[in-house]
Amino acid sequence: MRFQTPLVPARLIRRYKRFLADIRLEDGQEAVAHCANPGSMMGLAEPGMRIWVEPNDDPKKRLKYGWRLVDHENGHFTGVDTGLPNRALRAALEVGEVAELAEYATVRPEQKYGENSRIDFLLSGAGLPDAYVEVKSVTLSRAPGVAEFPDSVTARGAKHLGELARVAQAGHRAVLFYLVQRTDAQTVRVAADIDPGYARAMDAARAAGVTVLSYRADISPDQITLGPGLHHD
């Protein structure tokens, strides 16, 4: 999935109020960018970091830049927009690029299920149990090559795991899909020290039959696409 508008480099001045970031463009101009990430962004919002932002000329949007990437300046990138994984995964599902789910012919996003929730993708195919796929964007890394989720306490994430467990117990296929937006990751694990409740919910979900899939995104300032599968600890 290519970015709609070519990204431009900048330096982060500060992130604040979760969804706002002051940035400095290469020509020295300062601006406010939208930060589409409600998490803590641990290790990804340090002042002075090189970042990539997407300009827009939409008169309906108050902010003219959207923060998309952190450039680690060592050849690796992290995607910080939590909305991008769903779009990238949908494109991959529709052309059968996820080997574990390639047999499903129909991909329906944002379907109601559970208790006042929506599943990211409901997959169906002839003779197959429906597959309920919940997507989580993973950006945290505290050790080389290791990605972790969550980066802050997430009651919503634990709720989703409980609902997936009930889907599995009802005879459907339930999938938690970690899309790791870090090009330097080789494995994924639950950050149990950050959110013990989420870790317990994960254990219960897996015991109930929920499948955990982990894939890394291939990221550049041009595009984000589905990359290789990763080991989940």
Protein backbone atom coordinates (compact mmCIF):
# COMPACT_ATOMS: atom_id res chain seq x y z
CA MET A 1 0.00 0.00 0.00
CA ARG A 2 1.61 3.22 -1.16
CA PHE A 3 1.18 6.42 0.80
CA GLN A 4 -1.39 8.66 -0.87
CA THR A 5 1.00 11.61 -0.85
CA PRO A 6 4.82 11.37 -0.91
CA LEU A 7 6.21 11.64 2.61
CA VAL A 8 8.64 14.37 3.59
CA PRO A 9 11.32 14.18 6.31
CA ALA A 10 11.22 16.24 9.48
CA ARG A 11 12.53 16.32 13.04
CA LEU A 12 10.30 15.78 16.04
CA ILE A 13 10.18 18.68 18.47
CA ARG A 14 7.67 17.13 20.87
CA ARG A 15 4.59 14.96 21.03
CA TYR A 16 1.76 16.09 23.30
CA LYS A 17 -1.93 15.50 24.04
CA ARG A 18 -1.35 12.06 22.46
CA PHE A 19 -2.54 13.11 19.01
CA LEU A 20 -0.40 16.18 18.35
CA ALA A 21 3.26 16.65 17.49
CA ASP A 22 5.33 19.77 16.88
CA ILE A 23 7.73 19.14 14.01
CA ARG A 24 10.49 20.96 12.14
CA LEU A 25 10.67 20.45 8.39
CA GLU A 26 13.96 20.37 6.51
CA ASP A 27 13.58 23.99 5.42
CA GLY A 28 13.35 25.05 9.07
CA GLN A 29 9.59 25.64 9.04
CA GLU A 30 7.78 24.46 12.16
CA ALA A 31 4.31 22.90 12.02
CA VAL A 32 1.86 20.78 14.02
CA ALA A 33 1.28 17.23 12.77
CA HIS A 34 -1.50 14.80 13.61
CA CYS A 35 -0.25 11.73 15.48
CA ALA A 36 -2.63 8.82 14.80
CA ASN A 37 -1.49 6.74 17.76
CA PRO A 38 -3.26 6.61 21.15
CA GLY A 39 -0.54 4.49 22.80
CA SER A 40 2.43 5.54 24.87
CA MET A 41 4.80 5.37 21.84
CA MET A 42 7.54 4.35 24.25
CA GLY A 43 10.95 4.94 22.65
CA LEU A 44 9.42 6.53 19.54
CA ALA A 45 8.70 10.11 20.58
CA GLU A 46 12.05 11.46 21.72
CA PRO A 47 12.74 15.08 20.73
CA GLY A 48 15.11 15.32 17.78
CA MET A 49 14.12 12.01 16.19
CA ARG A 50 14.07 11.93 12.41
CA ILE A 51 10.51 11.27 11.26
CA TRP A 52 8.50 11.19 8.04
CA VAL A 53 5.22 13.03 7.67
CA GLU A 54 2.50 13.03 5.02
CA PRO A 55 1.39 16.46 3.74
CA ASN A 56 -2.22 17.12 2.81
CA ASP A 57 -4.07 20.01 1.20
CA ASP A 58 -7.53 18.95 2.37
CA PRO A 59 -9.34 22.15 3.42
CA LYS A 60 -11.45 20.07 5.85
CA LYS A 61 -8.37 19.09 7.85
CA ARG A 62 -7.03 21.56 10.38
CA LEU A 63 -3.57 19.97 10.46
CA LYS A 64 -1.63 19.84 7.21
CA TYR A 65 0.70 16.99 8.16
CA GLY A 66 0.23 13.46 9.45
CA TRP A 67 3.09 11.70 11.26
CA ARG A 68 3.64 8.29 9.63
CA LEU A 69 7.15 6.95 10.35
CA VAL A 70 10.09 7.08 12.70
CA ASP A 71 13.39 6.81 10.83
CA HIS A 72 15.95 5.13 13.10
CA GLU A 73 18.71 6.33 10.77
CA ASN A 74 20.23 2.84 10.62
CA GLY A 75 18.21 1.56 7.68
CA HIS A 76 15.17 0.64 9.81
CA PHE A 77 11.77 2.28 10.18
CA THR A 78 8.84 2.10 12.57
CA GLY A 79 5.31 2.95 11.46
CA VAL A 80 3.48 4.99 14.08
CA ASP A 81 0.06 5.38 12.43
CA THR A 82 -2.15 2.69 14.01
CA GLY A 83 -4.65 2.94 11.15
CA LEU A 84 -2.22 1.78 8.48
CA PRO A 85 -1.94 -1.91 9.51
CA ASN A 86 -5.63 -2.56 8.82
CA ARG A 87 -5.38 -1.05 5.37
CA ALA A 88 -2.21 -2.97 4.54
CA LEU A 89 -3.62 -6.23 5.89
CA ARG A 90 -6.89 -5.84 4.00
CA ALA A 91 -4.95 -5.46 0.75
CA ALA A 92 -2.96 -8.61 1.58
CA LEU A 93 -6.04 -10.65 2.58
CA GLU A 94 -7.89 -9.74 -0.60
CA VAL A 95 -5.14 -11.22 -2.77
CA GLY A 96 -4.43 -14.24 -0.54
CA GLU A 97 -0.99 -13.14 0.70
CA VAL A 98 -1.54 -14.39 4.27
CA ALA A 99 -0.80 -18.10 3.90
CA GLU A 100 -2.77 -19.15 7.01
CA LEU A 101 -5.90 -17.37 5.74
CA ALA A 102 -5.51 -17.65 1.96
CA GLU A 103 -8.42 -20.07 1.54
CA TYR A 104 -10.99 -17.43 2.48
CA ALA A 105 -12.57 -15.77 -0.55
CA THR A 106 -14.60 -13.02 1.14
CA VAL A 107 -13.14 -10.27 3.32
CA ARG A 108 -15.56 -8.02 5.19
CA PRO A 109 -14.13 -5.24 7.38
CA GLU A 110 -15.63 -3.74 10.54
CA GLN A 111 -18.37 -6.29 11.28
CA LYS A 112 -20.37 -6.14 14.51
CA TYR A 113 -19.85 -8.99 16.98
CA GLY A 114 -19.62 -9.67 20.70
CA GLU A 115 -20.74 -7.03 23.15
CA ASN A 116 -20.90 -3.70 21.30
CA SER A 117 -17.69 -4.46 19.40
CA ARG A 118 -16.59 -4.66 15.80
CA ILE A 119 -14.18 -7.24 14.46
CA ASP A 120 -11.56 -5.83 12.11
CA PHE A 121 -12.17 -8.51 9.47
CA LEU A 122 -14.72 -11.27 9.08
CA LEU A 123 -13.56 -13.85 6.55
CA SER A 124 -15.76 -16.45 4.91
CA GLY A 125 -15.33 -19.21 2.35
CA ALA A 126 -17.28 -22.20 1.05
CA GLY A 127 -17.16 -25.09 3.52
CA LEU A 128 -15.04 -23.14 6.01
CA PRO A 129 -15.87 -21.83 9.48
CA ASP A 130 -16.02 -18.05 9.54
CA ALA A 131 -12.74 -16.47 10.65
CA TYR A 132 -12.83 -13.47 12.98
CA VAL A 133 -9.60 -11.48 12.70
CA GLU A 134 -8.62 -8.81 15.21
CA VAL A 135 -5.59 -6.69 14.22
CA LYS A 136 -3.14 -5.05 16.61
CA SER A 137 -0.40 -2.64 15.60
CA VAL A 138 2.89 -3.42 17.36
CA THR A 139 5.56 -0.72 17.67
CA LEU A 140 7.29 -1.24 21.03
CA SER A 141 10.79 -2.70 21.22
CA ARG A 142 12.92 -2.77 24.37
CA ALA A 143 15.44 -5.38 23.24
CA PRO A 144 17.17 -5.82 19.86
CA GLY A 145 14.98 -7.70 17.41
CA VAL A 146 12.11 -8.15 19.88
CA ALA A 147 8.74 -6.42 19.39
CA GLU A 148 6.24 -6.24 22.24
CA PHE A 149 2.55 -5.55 22.76
CA PRO A 150 1.03 -3.60 24.42
CA ASP A 151 3.03 -0.43 25.09
CA SER A 152 0.55 0.69 27.78
CA VAL A 153 -2.31 -0.82 29.75
CA THR A 154 -5.14 -1.73 27.38
CA ALA A 155 -8.46 -2.78 28.87
CA ARG A 156 -9.87 -2.66 25.34
CA GLY A 157 -7.26 -5.15 24.14
CA ALA A 158 -8.11 -7.55 26.97
CA LYS A 159 -11.82 -7.22 26.14
CA HIS A 160 -11.11 -8.12 22.51
CA LEU A 161 -9.22 -11.22 23.62
CA GLY A 162 -12.19 -12.30 25.73
CA GLU A 163 -14.56 -11.87 22.81
CA LEU A 164 -12.25 -13.80 20.49
CA ALA A 165 -12.15 -16.61 23.06
CA ARG A 166 -15.94 -16.79 23.02
CA VAL A 167 -15.94 -16.86 19.21
CA ALA A 168 -13.50 -19.80 19.27
CA GLN A 169 -15.57 -21.65 21.85
CA ALA A 170 -18.64 -21.22 19.61
CA GLY A 171 -16.88 -23.15 16.84
CA HIS A 172 -15.66 -20.30 14.68
CA ARG A 173 -12.07 -19.49 13.84
CA ALA A 174 -10.69 -16.66 15.99
CA VAL A 175 -7.43 -14.96 15.04
CA LEU A 176 -5.41 -12.28 16.78
CA PHE A 177 -3.16 -10.75 14.14
CA TYR A 178 -0.15 -8.78 15.33
CA LEU A 179 1.14 -6.57 12.53
CA VAL A 180 4.56 -5.41 13.65
CA GLN A 181 5.36 -1.98 12.27
CA ARG A 182 9.08 -2.33 12.92
CA THR A 183 11.48 -3.43 10.20
CA ASP A 184 14.04 -4.46 12.85
CA ALA A 185 11.84 -7.09 14.54
CA GLN A 186 12.35 -10.85 14.39
CA THR A 187 10.09 -12.02 17.23
CA VAL A 188 7.00 -10.80 19.08
CA ARG A 189 6.02 -11.22 22.72
CA VAL A 190 3.45 -9.95 25.19
CA ALA A 191 4.72 -7.16 27.45
CA ALA A 192 3.38 -8.80 30.62
CA ASP A 193 5.22 -6.37 32.89
CA ILE A 194 3.40 -3.42 31.29
CA ASP A 195 -0.07 -4.99 31.38
CA PRO A 196 -0.39 -8.20 33.45
CA GLY A 197 -4.15 -8.24 32.81
CA TYR A 198 -3.62 -8.38 29.08
CA ALA A 199 -1.09 -11.20 29.51
CA ARG A 200 -3.64 -13.22 31.52
CA ALA A 201 -6.29 -12.56 28.89
CA MET A 202 -3.88 -13.76 26.19
CA ASP A 203 -3.21 -17.02 28.06
CA ALA A 204 -6.95 -17.61 28.45
CA ALA A 205 -7.64 -16.81 24.80
CA ARG A 206 -4.99 -19.20 23.51
CA ALA A 207 -6.30 -21.92 25.83
CA ALA A 208 -9.77 -21.34 24.35
CA GLY A 209 -8.48 -21.89 20.82
CA VAL A 210 -7.61 -18.40 19.61
CA THR A 211 -4.84 -18.44 16.97
CA VAL A 212 -2.10 -15.82 17.18
CA LEU A 213 -0.46 -14.76 13.92
CA SER A 214 2.43 -12.30 13.77
CA TYR A 215 3.72 -10.64 10.62
CA ARG A 216 6.21 -7.85 10.10
CA ALA A 217 5.45 -4.93 7.83
CA ASP A 218 7.88 -3.92 5.12
CA ILE A 219 8.13 -0.14 5.51
CA SER A 220 9.76 2.66 3.57
CA PRO A 221 8.92 6.34 3.00
CA ASP A 222 7.13 5.15 -0.15
CA GLN A 223 4.89 2.39 1.13
CA ILE A 224 3.90 -0.14 3.77
CA THR A 225 3.20 -3.72 2.76
CA LEU A 226 2.87 -7.09 4.49
CA GLY A 227 6.24 -8.71 5.06
CA PRO A 228 7.33 -12.05 6.53
CA GLY A 229 5.75 -14.01 9.35
CA LEU A 230 7.40 -13.74 12.77
CA HIS A 231 7.81 -16.11 15.70
CA HIS A 232 5.49 -15.34 18.62
CA ASP A 233 6.89 -16.14 22.07
